[in-house]
C-alpha atoms as a PDB file:
ATOM      1  CA  MET A   1     -73.610 142.436  68.490  1.00  0.00           C
ATOM      2  CA  ALA A   2     -70.483 141.010  66.874  1.00  0.00           C
ATOM      3  CA  ALA A   3     -68.394 144.143  66.669  1.00  0.00           C
ATOM      4  CA  ALA A   4     -66.178 143.290  63.695  1.00  0.00           C
ATOM      5  CA  ASP A   5     -69.040 141.889  61.619  1.00  0.00           C
ATOM      6  CA  SER A   6     -71.236 144.935  62.272  1.00  0.00           C
ATOM      7  CA  LEU A   7     -68.542 147.581  61.806  1.00  0.00           C
ATOM      8  CA  ALA A   8     -70.127 148.816  58.587  1.00  0.00           C
ATOM      9  CA  ASP A   9     -73.179 149.722  60.668  1.00  0.00           C
ATOM     10  CA  VAL A  10     -71.101 151.468  63.328  1.00  0.00           C
ATOM     11  CA  LEU A  11     -68.478 153.378  61.309  1.00  0.00           C
ATOM     12  CA  ARG A  12     -69.841 155.242  58.312  1.00  0.00           C
ATOM     13  CA  LEU A  13     -67.404 157.762  56.906  1.00  0.00           C
ATOM     14  CA  ILE A  14     -67.720 160.234  54.050  1.00  0.00           C
ATOM     15  CA  ASP A  15     -65.775 158.841  51.102  1.00  0.00           C
ATOM     16  CA  ALA A  16     -64.095 161.778  49.349  1.00  0.00           C
ATOM     17  CA  ARG A  17     -64.182 159.809  46.102  1.00  0.00           C
ATOM     18  CA  THR A  18     -67.985 159.649  46.012  1.00  0.00           C
ATOM     19  CA  GLY A  19     -69.083 162.383  48.416  1.00  0.00           C
ATOM     20  CA  SER A  20     -71.365 159.948  50.240  1.00  0.00           C
ATOM     21  CA  ARG A  21     -71.056 157.892  53.398  1.00  0.00           C
ATOM     22  CA  ALA A  22     -69.486 154.471  53.130  1.00  0.00           C
ATOM     23  CA  GLY A  23     -69.638 151.670  55.659  1.00  0.00           C
ATOM     24  CA  ILE A  24     -66.266 150.295  56.704  1.00  0.00           C
ATOM     25  CA  ARG A  25     -65.841 146.615  55.872  1.00  0.00           C
ATOM     26  CA  PRO A  26     -62.473 145.112  56.829  1.00  0.00           C
ATOM     27  CA  ALA A  27     -61.119 142.773  54.179  1.00  0.00           C
ATOM     28  CA  ARG A  28     -59.402 140.723  56.876  1.00  0.00           C
ATOM     29  CA  ARG A  29     -61.675 139.527  59.634  1.00  0.00           C
ATOM     30  CA  GLY A  30     -61.107 141.350  62.901  1.00  0.00           C
ATOM     31  CA  VAL A  31     -58.390 143.626  61.504  1.00  0.00           C
ATOM     32  CA  LEU A  32     -58.742 147.120  60.072  1.00  0.00           C
ATOM     33  CA  GLY A  33     -55.926 148.398  57.869  1.00  0.00           C
ATOM     34  CA  VAL A  34     -55.502 152.189  57.727  1.00  0.00           C
ATOM     35  CA  CYS A  35     -53.055 154.264  55.711  1.00  0.00           C
ATOM     36  CA  ALA A  36     -52.474 157.913  56.641  1.00  0.00           C
ATOM     37  CA  HIS A  37     -51.196 159.936  53.675  1.00  0.00           C
ATOM     38  CA  ALA A  38     -49.625 163.098  55.070  1.00  0.00           C
ATOM     39  CA  PRO A  39     -48.953 166.006  52.708  1.00  0.00           C
ATOM     40  CA  GLN A  40     -45.319 166.865  52.166  1.00  0.00           C
ATOM     41  CA  ALA A  41     -44.148 168.769  55.239  1.00  0.00           C
ATOM     42  CA  THR A  42     -42.836 172.178  54.204  1.00  0.00           C
ATOM     43  CA  GLY A  43     -42.945 174.737  56.973  1.00  0.00           C
ATOM     44  CA  GLY A  44     -46.545 175.730  57.653  1.00  0.00           C
ATOM     45  CA  THR A  45     -47.974 172.470  56.293  1.00  0.00           C
ATOM     46  CA  ASP A  46     -46.417 170.424  59.099  1.00  0.00           C
ATOM     47  CA  ILE A  47     -49.452 170.942  61.308  1.00  0.00           C
ATOM     48  CA  THR A  48     -51.661 169.666  58.476  1.00  0.00           C
ATOM     49  CA  ALA A  49     -49.609 166.468  58.389  1.00  0.00           C
ATOM     50  CA  LEU A  50     -50.077 166.229  62.146  1.00  0.00           C
ATOM     51  CA  ARG A  51     -53.831 166.641  61.697  1.00  0.00           C
ATOM     52  CA  VAL A  52     -53.891 163.743  59.211  1.00  0.00           C
ATOM     53  CA  LEU A  53     -52.201 161.506  61.772  1.00  0.00           C
ATOM     54  CA  LEU A  54     -54.651 162.706  64.424  1.00  0.00           C
ATOM     55  CA  THR A  55     -57.653 161.847  62.231  1.00  0.00           C
ATOM     56  CA  ALA A  56     -56.240 158.369  61.608  1.00  0.00           C
ATOM     57  CA  ASP A  57     -55.758 158.005  65.373  1.00  0.00           C
ATOM     58  CA  LEU A  58     -59.409 158.926  66.033  1.00  0.00           C
ATOM     59  CA  LEU A  59     -60.497 156.389  63.428  1.00  0.00           C
ATOM     60  CA  ALA A  60     -58.307 153.704  65.005  1.00  0.00           C
ATOM     61  CA  ARG A  61     -59.636 154.417  68.502  1.00  0.00           C
ATOM     62  CA  ALA A  62     -63.235 154.265  67.294  1.00  0.00           C
ATOM     63  CA  ALA A  63     -62.613 150.936  65.540  1.00  0.00           C
ATOM     64  CA  GLU A  64     -60.746 149.482  68.522  1.00  0.00           C
ATOM     65  CA  LEU A  65     -63.702 150.337  70.723  1.00  0.00           C
ATOM     66  CA  GLN A  66     -65.738 148.043  68.459  1.00  0.00           C
ATOM     67  CA  GLY A  67     -63.338 145.168  69.058  1.00  0.00           C
ATOM     68  CA  LEU A  68     -61.097 145.464  66.017  1.00  0.00           C
ATOM     69  CA  GLN A  69     -57.328 145.333  65.870  1.00  0.00           C
ATOM     70  CA  VAL A  70     -56.174 148.369  63.897  1.00  0.00           C
ATOM     71  CA  LEU A  71     -52.957 148.424  61.890  1.00  0.00           C
ATOM     72  CA  THR A  72     -51.957 151.887  60.707  1.00  0.00           C
ATOM     73  CA  ALA A  73     -49.304 152.770  58.164  1.00  0.00           C
ATOM     74  CA  VAL A  74     -48.033 156.349  57.958  1.00  0.00           C
ATOM     75  CA  ASP A  75     -46.885 157.666  54.590  1.00  0.00           C
ATOM     76  CA  LEU A  76     -44.581 160.675  55.012  1.00  0.00           C
ATOM     77  CA  THR A  77     -43.261 160.496  51.453  1.00  0.00           C
ATOM     78  CA  GLY A  78     -41.504 163.709  50.510  1.00  0.00           C
ATOM     79  CA  SER A  79     -40.637 164.720  54.065  1.00  0.00           C
ATOM     80  CA  SER A  80     -37.003 164.893  55.073  1.00  0.00           C
ATOM     81  CA  PRO A  81     -35.867 162.657  57.957  1.00  0.00           C
ATOM     82  CA  ALA A  82     -35.802 165.724  60.227  1.00  0.00           C
ATOM     83  CA  GLN A  83     -39.309 166.770  59.208  1.00  0.00           C
ATOM     84  CA  ALA A  84     -40.649 163.246  59.663  1.00  0.00           C
ATOM     85  CA  ALA A  85     -39.010 163.002  63.092  1.00  0.00           C
ATOM     86  CA  ALA A  86     -40.535 166.339  64.157  1.00  0.00           C
ATOM     87  CA  ILE A  87     -44.008 165.294  63.013  1.00  0.00           C
ATOM     88  CA  GLU A  88     -43.755 161.953  64.811  1.00  0.00           C
ATOM     89  CA  ALA A  89     -42.481 163.634  67.993  1.00  0.00           C
ATOM     90  CA  ASP A  90     -45.430 166.029  67.896  1.00  0.00           C
ATOM     91  CA  ALA A  91     -47.772 163.121  67.254  1.00  0.00           C
ATOM     92  CA  GLY A  92     -46.514 161.395  70.387  1.00  0.00           C
ATOM     93  CA  ALA A  93     -47.042 164.563  72.409  1.00  0.00           C
ATOM     94  CA  LEU A  94     -50.629 164.708  71.147  1.00  0.00           C
ATOM     95  CA  GLY A  95     -51.299 161.156  72.308  1.00  0.00           C
ATOM     96  CA  ILE A  96     -51.391 159.744  68.785  1.00  0.00           C
ATOM     97  CA  HIS A  97     -50.566 156.050  68.874  1.00  0.00           C
ATOM     98  CA  PRO A  98     -47.399 155.045  66.988  1.00  0.00           C
ATOM     99  CA  PRO A  99     -48.040 153.473  63.581  1.00  0.00           C
ATOM    100  CA  ALA A 100     -47.521 149.799  62.908  1.00  0.00           C
ATOM    101  CA  ALA A 101     -45.498 150.714  59.820  1.00  0.00           C
ATOM    102  CA  ARG A 102     -43.893 153.683  58.122  1.00  0.00           C
ATOM    103  CA  ALA A 103     -44.322 153.062  54.428  1.00  0.00           C
ATOM    104  CA  SER A 104     -45.896 154.421  51.284  1.00  0.00           C
ATOM    105  CA  CYS A 105     -49.464 153.280  50.946  1.00  0.00           C
ATOM    106  CA  HIS A 106     -48.423 151.284  47.900  1.00  0.00           C
ATOM    107  CA  ASP A 107     -46.159 149.256  50.181  1.00  0.00           C
ATOM    108  CA  ALA A 108     -48.452 149.377  53.206  1.00  0.00           C
ATOM    109  CA  PRO A 109     -50.252 146.038  52.627  1.00  0.00           C
ATOM    110  CA  SER A 110     -46.977 144.114  52.644  1.00  0.00           C
ATOM    111  CA  SER A 111     -45.624 146.173  55.566  1.00  0.00           C
ATOM    112  CA  LEU A 112     -48.792 145.593  57.593  1.00  0.00           C
ATOM    113  CA  ASP A 113     -49.350 142.062  56.327  1.00  0.00           C
ATOM    114  CA  SER A 114     -52.938 143.206  55.850  1.00  0.00           C
ATOM    115  CA  PRO A 115     -54.988 144.992  53.171  1.00  0.00           C
ATOM    116  CA  VAL A 116     -55.597 148.727  53.557  1.00  0.00           C
ATOM    117  CA  ASP A 117     -59.309 149.256  54.196  1.00  0.00           C
ATOM    118  CA  VAL A 118     -59.364 153.033  54.740  1.00  0.00           C
ATOM    119  CA  HIS A 119     -57.179 155.854  53.452  1.00  0.00           C
ATOM    120  CA  VAL A 120     -56.836 159.129  55.371  1.00  0.00           C
ATOM    121  CA  ALA A 121     -55.279 161.919  53.317  1.00  0.00           C
ATOM    122  CA  GLY A 122     -54.496 165.595  53.621  1.00  0.00           C
ATOM    123  CA  PRO A 123     -54.696 168.144  50.785  1.00  0.00           C
ATOM    124  CA  GLY A 124     -52.198 167.463  48.049  1.00  0.00           C
ATOM    125  CA  ALA A 125     -51.388 163.959  49.228  1.00  0.00           C
ATOM    126  CA  GLN A 126     -51.141 161.541  46.336  1.00  0.00           C
ATOM    127  CA  VAL A 127     -53.518 158.595  46.669  1.00  0.00           C
ATOM    128  CA  ASP A 128     -53.594 156.060  43.855  1.00  0.00           C
ATOM    129  CA  PRO A 129     -57.185 156.088  42.523  1.00  0.00           C
ATOM    130  CA  GLY A 130     -56.879 152.347  42.025  1.00  0.00           C
ATOM    131  CA  GLN A 131     -56.434 151.729  45.741  1.00  0.00           C
ATOM    132  CA  ASP A 132     -59.392 150.023  47.393  1.00  0.00           C
ATOM    133  CA  GLY A 133     -61.251 151.409  50.371  1.00  0.00           C
ATOM    134  CA  PRO A 134     -62.905 154.722  51.265  1.00  0.00           C
ATOM    135  CA  LEU A 135     -60.821 157.892  51.245  1.00  0.00           C
ATOM    136  CA  VAL A 136     -61.263 160.205  54.235  1.00  0.00           C
ATOM    137  CA  SER A 137     -60.225 163.731  53.306  1.00  0.00           C
ATOM    138  CA  VAL A 138     -58.601 165.931  55.973  1.00  0.00           C
ATOM    139  CA  GLY A 139     -58.627 169.705  55.631  1.00  0.00           C
ATOM    140  CA  ALA A 140     -55.558 171.895  55.918  1.00  0.00           C
ATOM    141  CA  ALA A 141     -54.652 173.289  59.332  1.00  0.00           C
ATOM    142  CA  GLN A 142     -53.016 176.557  60.222  1.00  0.00           C
ATOM    143  CA  LEU A 143     -52.012 178.024  63.572  1.00  0.00           C
ATOM    144  CA  ASP A 144     -51.720 181.771  63.977  1.00  0.00           C
ATOM    145  CA  ARG A 145     -48.056 182.575  64.602  1.00  0.00           C
ATOM    146  CA  ALA A 146     -48.987 185.430  66.919  1.00  0.00           C
ATOM    147  CA  GLY A 147     -50.681 183.020  69.294  1.00  0.00           C
ATOM    148  CA  SER A 148     -48.376 180.052  68.970  1.00  0.00           C
ATOM    149  CA  GLY A 149     -44.823 181.048  68.309  1.00  0.00           C
ATOM    150  CA  GLY A 150     -44.724 179.219  64.973  1.00  0.00           C
ATOM    151  CA  GLY A 151     -46.641 177.924  62.016  1.00  0.00           C
ATOM    152  CA  ALA A 152     -45.288 174.402  61.654  1.00  0.00           C
ATOM    153  CA  GLY A 153     -46.325 171.488  63.809  1.00  0.00           C
ATOM    154  CA  GLY A 154     -42.844 170.898  65.192  1.00  0.00           C
ATOM    155  CA  ALA A 155     -42.205 174.575  65.902  1.00  0.00           C
ATOM    156  CA  VAL A 156     -45.569 174.982  67.588  1.00  0.00           C
ATOM    157  CA  LEU A 157     -45.084 172.186  70.098  1.00  0.00           C
ATOM    158  CA  ALA A 158     -41.425 172.947  70.665  1.00  0.00           C
ATOM    159  CA  GLY A 159     -42.343 176.432  71.848  1.00  0.00           C
ATOM    160  CA  HIS A 160     -45.609 175.530  73.542  1.00  0.00           C
ATOM    161  CA  ARG A 161     -45.169 175.289  77.308  1.00  0.00           C
ATOM    162  CA  GLY A 162     -48.744 174.349  78.097  1.00  0.00           C
ATOM    163  CA  ASP A 163     -50.540 171.030  77.762  1.00  0.00           C
ATOM    164  CA  PRO A 164     -50.012 169.738  74.188  1.00  0.00           C
ATOM    165  CA  LEU A 165     -53.416 168.058  74.402  1.00  0.00           C
ATOM    166  CA  ALA A 166     -54.882 171.570  74.160  1.00  0.00           C
ATOM    167  CA  LEU A 167     -53.797 171.488  70.509  1.00  0.00           C
ATOM    168  CA  ARG A 168     -55.458 168.095  70.095  1.00  0.00           C
ATOM    169  CA  LEU A 169     -58.705 169.506  71.519  1.00  0.00           C
ATOM    170  CA  ALA A 170     -58.465 172.607  69.340  1.00  0.00           C
ATOM    171  CA  LEU A 171     -58.019 170.503  66.200  1.00  0.00           C
ATOM    172  CA  VAL A 172     -60.881 168.081  66.949  1.00  0.00           C
ATOM    173  CA  SER A 173     -63.126 171.098  67.516  1.00  0.00           C
ATOM    174  CA  TYR A 174     -63.259 171.456  63.708  1.00  0.00           C
ATOM    175  CA  PRO A 175     -64.865 169.013  61.245  1.00  0.00           C
ATOM    176  CA  ALA A 176     -62.031 166.841  59.928  1.00  0.00           C
ATOM    177  CA  GLY A 177     -62.827 167.507  56.280  1.00  0.00           C
ATOM    178  CA  GLN A 178     -62.827 171.283  56.647  1.00  0.00           C
ATOM    179  CA  PRO A 179     -59.903 173.687  57.121  1.00  0.00           C
ATOM    180  CA  ALA A 180     -58.904 174.370  60.719  1.00  0.00           C
ATOM    181  CA  ILE A 181     -57.631 177.912  61.109  1.00  0.00           C
ATOM    182  CA  LEU A 182     -56.691 178.278  64.751  1.00  0.00           C
ATOM    183  CA  ALA A 183     -56.615 181.864  65.958  1.00  0.00           C
ATOM    184  CA  GLY A 184     -54.198 182.932  68.664  1.00  0.00           C
ATOM    185  CA  GLY A 185     -56.600 182.566  71.566  1.00  0.00           C
ATOM    186  CA  GLU A 186     -57.942 179.135  70.637  1.00  0.00           C
ATOM    187  CA  LEU A 187     -55.167 177.181  72.324  1.00  0.00           C
ATOM    188  CA  VAL A 188     -55.711 179.206  75.484  1.00  0.00           C
ATOM    189  CA  HIS A 189     -59.441 178.529  75.344  1.00  0.00           C
ATOM    190  CA  ALA A 190     -58.844 174.830  74.665  1.00  0.00           C
ATOM    191  CA  ALA A 191     -56.447 174.603  77.625  1.00  0.00           C
ATOM    192  CA  GLU A 192     -59.014 176.259  79.900  1.00  0.00           C
ATOM    193  CA  ARG A 193     -61.687 173.869  78.664  1.00  0.00           C
ATOM    194  CA  LEU A 194     -59.438 170.886  79.375  1.00  0.00           C
ATOM    195  CA  THR A 195     -58.712 172.103  82.895  1.00  0.00           C
ATOM    196  CA  TYR A 196     -62.408 172.664  83.610  1.00  0.00           C
ATOM    197  CA  TRP A 197     -63.497 169.261  82.297  1.00  0.00           C
ATOM    198  CA  ARG A 198     -60.735 167.450  84.178  1.00  0.00           C
ATOM    199  CA  GLU A 199     -61.780 169.168  87.392  1.00  0.00           C
ATOM    200  CA  ARG A 200     -65.419 168.214  86.838  1.00  0.00           C
ATOM    201  CA  VAL A 201     -64.557 164.604  85.959  1.00  0.00           C
ATOM    202  CA  ALA A 202     -62.508 164.350  89.175  1.00  0.00           C
ATOM    203  CA  GLN A 203     -65.491 165.704  91.138  1.00  0.00           C
ATOM    204  CA  TRP A 204     -67.984 163.362  89.460  1.00  0.00           C
ATOM    205  CA  ALA A 205     -65.695 160.395  90.156  1.00  0.00           C
ATOM    206  CA  GLU A 206     -66.466 160.799  93.868  1.00  0.00           C
ATOM    207  CA  SER A 207     -70.162 160.035  93.246  1.00  0.00           C
ATOM    208  CA  PRO A 208     -71.649 156.568  92.766  1.00  0.00           C
ATOM    209  CA  SER A 209     -71.296 155.314  89.211  1.00  0.00           C
ATOM    210  CA  GLY A 210     -74.434 155.507  87.100  1.00  0.00           C
ATOM    211  CA  PRO A 211     -75.541 154.267  83.680  1.00  0.00           C
ATOM    212  CA  VAL A 212     -75.248 156.577  80.701  1.00  0.00           C
ATOM    213  CA  PRO A 213     -78.759 157.613  79.547  1.00  0.00           C
ATOM    214  CA  ALA A 214     -79.664 155.532  76.496  1.00  0.00           C
ATOM    215  CA  THR A 215     -80.426 158.476  74.205  1.00  0.00           C
ATOM    216  CA  LEU A 216     -77.177 160.163  75.178  1.00  0.00           C
ATOM    217  CA  ALA A 217     -75.171 156.987  74.623  1.00  0.00           C
ATOM    218  CA  GLU A 218     -76.702 156.560  71.168  1.00  0.00           C
ATOM    219  CA  THR A 219     -75.886 160.146  70.217  1.00  0.00           C
ATOM    220  CA  VAL A 220     -72.263 159.726  71.290  1.00  0.00           C
ATOM    221  CA  ARG A 221     -71.926 156.410  69.419  1.00  0.00           C
ATOM    222  CA  THR A 222     -73.414 157.948  66.285  1.00  0.00           C
ATOM    223  CA  ALA A 223     -71.075 160.924  66.495  1.00  0.00           C
ATOM    224  CA  PHE A 224     -67.959 158.793  66.813  1.00  0.00           C
ATOM    225  CA  GLY A 225     -69.221 156.390  64.148  1.00  0.00           C
ATOM    226  CA  ALA A 226     -68.990 159.294  61.714  1.00  0.00           C
ATOM    227  CA  LEU A 227     -65.839 160.775  63.307  1.00  0.00           C
ATOM    228  CA  ASP A 228     -68.006 163.799  64.139  1.00  0.00           C
ATOM    229  CA  THR A 229     -65.923 165.102  67.019  1.00  0.00           C
ATOM    230  CA  VAL A 230     -67.673 168.477  66.839  1.00  0.00           C
ATOM    231  CA  LEU A 231     -70.983 166.834  67.771  1.00  0.00           C
ATOM    232  CA  ALA A 232     -69.314 164.718  70.456  1.00  0.00           C
ATOM    233  CA  LEU A 233     -67.767 167.793  72.084  1.00  0.00           C
ATOM    234  CA  ALA A 234     -71.099 169.629  71.937  1.00  0.00           C
ATOM    235  CA  VAL A 235     -72.765 166.694  73.697  1.00  0.00           C
ATOM    236  CA  LEU A 236     -70.136 166.761  76.438  1.00  0.00           C
ATOM    237  CA  SER A 237     -70.488 170.514  76.876  1.00  0.00           C
ATOM    238  CA  GLY A 238     -74.251 170.229  77.219  1.00  0.00           C
ATOM    239  CA  LEU A 239     -73.970 167.271  79.563  1.00  0.00           C
ATOM    240  CA  SER A 240     -71.533 169.076  81.836  1.00  0.00           C
ATOM    241  CA  ALA A 241     -74.101 171.812  82.485  1.00  0.00           C
ATOM    242  CA  ASP A 242     -77.145 169.507  82.714  1.00  0.00           C
ATOM    243  CA  GLU A 243     -78.144 169.269  86.375  1.00  0.00           C
ATOM    244  CA  THR A 244     -80.772 166.600  85.637  1.00  0.00           C
ATOM    245  CA  VAL A 245     -78.133 163.960  84.855  1.00  0.00           C
ATOM    246  CA  PRO A 246     -76.518 162.275  87.895  1.00  0.00           C
ATOM    247  CA  ALA A 247     -72.833 162.953  88.456  1.00  0.00           C
ATOM    248  CA  GLY A 248     -71.988 159.251  88.118  1.00  0.00           C
ATOM    249  CA  ALA A 249     -73.573 159.097  84.666  1.00  0.00           C
ATOM    250  CA  LYS A 250     -71.658 162.204  83.603  1.00  0.00           C
ATOM    251  CA  PHE A 251     -68.426 160.581  84.748  1.00  0.00           C
ATOM    252  CA  GLU A 252     -69.084 157.394  82.792  1.00  0.00           C
ATOM    253  CA  THR A 253     -70.012 159.357  79.648  1.00  0.00           C
ATOM    254  CA  PHE A 254     -66.906 161.546  79.743  1.00  0.00           C
ATOM    255  CA  VAL A 255     -64.601 158.585  80.387  1.00  0.00           C
ATOM    256  CA  TYR A 256     -66.195 156.625  77.528  1.00  0.00           C
ATOM    257  CA  ALA A 257     -65.911 159.552  75.114  1.00  0.00           C
ATOM    258  CA  ASP A 258     -62.314 160.133  76.115  1.00  0.00           C
ATOM    259  CA  ARG A 259     -61.342 156.660  74.945  1.00  0.00           C
ATOM    260  CA  ILE A 260     -61.679 158.142  71.451  1.00  0.00           C
ATOM    261  CA  LEU A 261     -61.020 161.841  72.042  1.00  0.00           C
ATOM    262  CA  GLY A 262     -57.765 161.022  73.865  1.00  0.00           C
ATOM    263  CA  LEU A 263     -57.755 164.140  76.063  1.00  0.00           C
ATOM    264  CA  ASP A 264     -56.767 162.466  79.360  1.00  0.00           C
ATOM    265  CA  LEU A 265     -59.932 163.772  80.982  1.00  0.00           C
ATOM    266  CA  ALA A 266     -59.598 161.473  84.013  1.00  0.00           C
ATOM    267  CA  ARG A 267     -56.064 162.677  84.767  1.00  0.00           C
ATOM    268  CA  ASP A 268     -57.006 164.408  88.030  1.00  0.00           C
ATOM    269  CA  VAL A 269     -59.151 161.607  89.462  1.00  0.00           C
ATOM    270  CA  GLY A 270     -57.883 160.733  92.941  1.00  0.00           C
ATOM    271  CA  ARG A 271     -55.613 163.737  93.214  1.00  0.00           C
END
């Protein structure tokens, strides 16, 4: 399979403009242009902006796994320099890859030297209806102050002493297009889940490697092809408890899925 030529068959995202799934077809061969439109960061909306960047990162990882080069532009129009810096610092802590350009999506094609094929936008972000390419809508996010120490993305991570990837896991546990209201205990639960999976992956790594069962591999590919991280996480949870699947196959599946989830699941291997 020629990955770039068949991308429309591998990535099919819900286009907010039509309400139906659209296959992704890069205008420039081998290169996918993405523009992340973050809503204006004002206090509690900062974490929503962070979620937009996270969704664009998941999209980029999924496309890169299919052999594409991904060029992402981040549009933080309306944010002050301090707000933009806080969002980008939080993005780095969450393992979100740095953008190729920081520009409005009107200027993104010239900044990227490539057309924009997909737009990722949070609520209230202004996307020119004349812009080509599917529009992936990202729901608002909110973190309970009682459980986090703050409502904005920057404040949350500045006061969060645990693993920042727990926030990444908590956010991808919700469908991207729906609101993510994180209650106080969700970060704790996400951190515990990360610790457990990392321990299991380290244990499975000591067993002989094994092929991923074909049906399981297809389910995971389908989930990531639609950016359905909820389904992908459910598959991993079920696989972890399935004693009929060899440890080596579990290891390979978790490591493969983590190339998109970005949770550093193999961190404890060899320790």
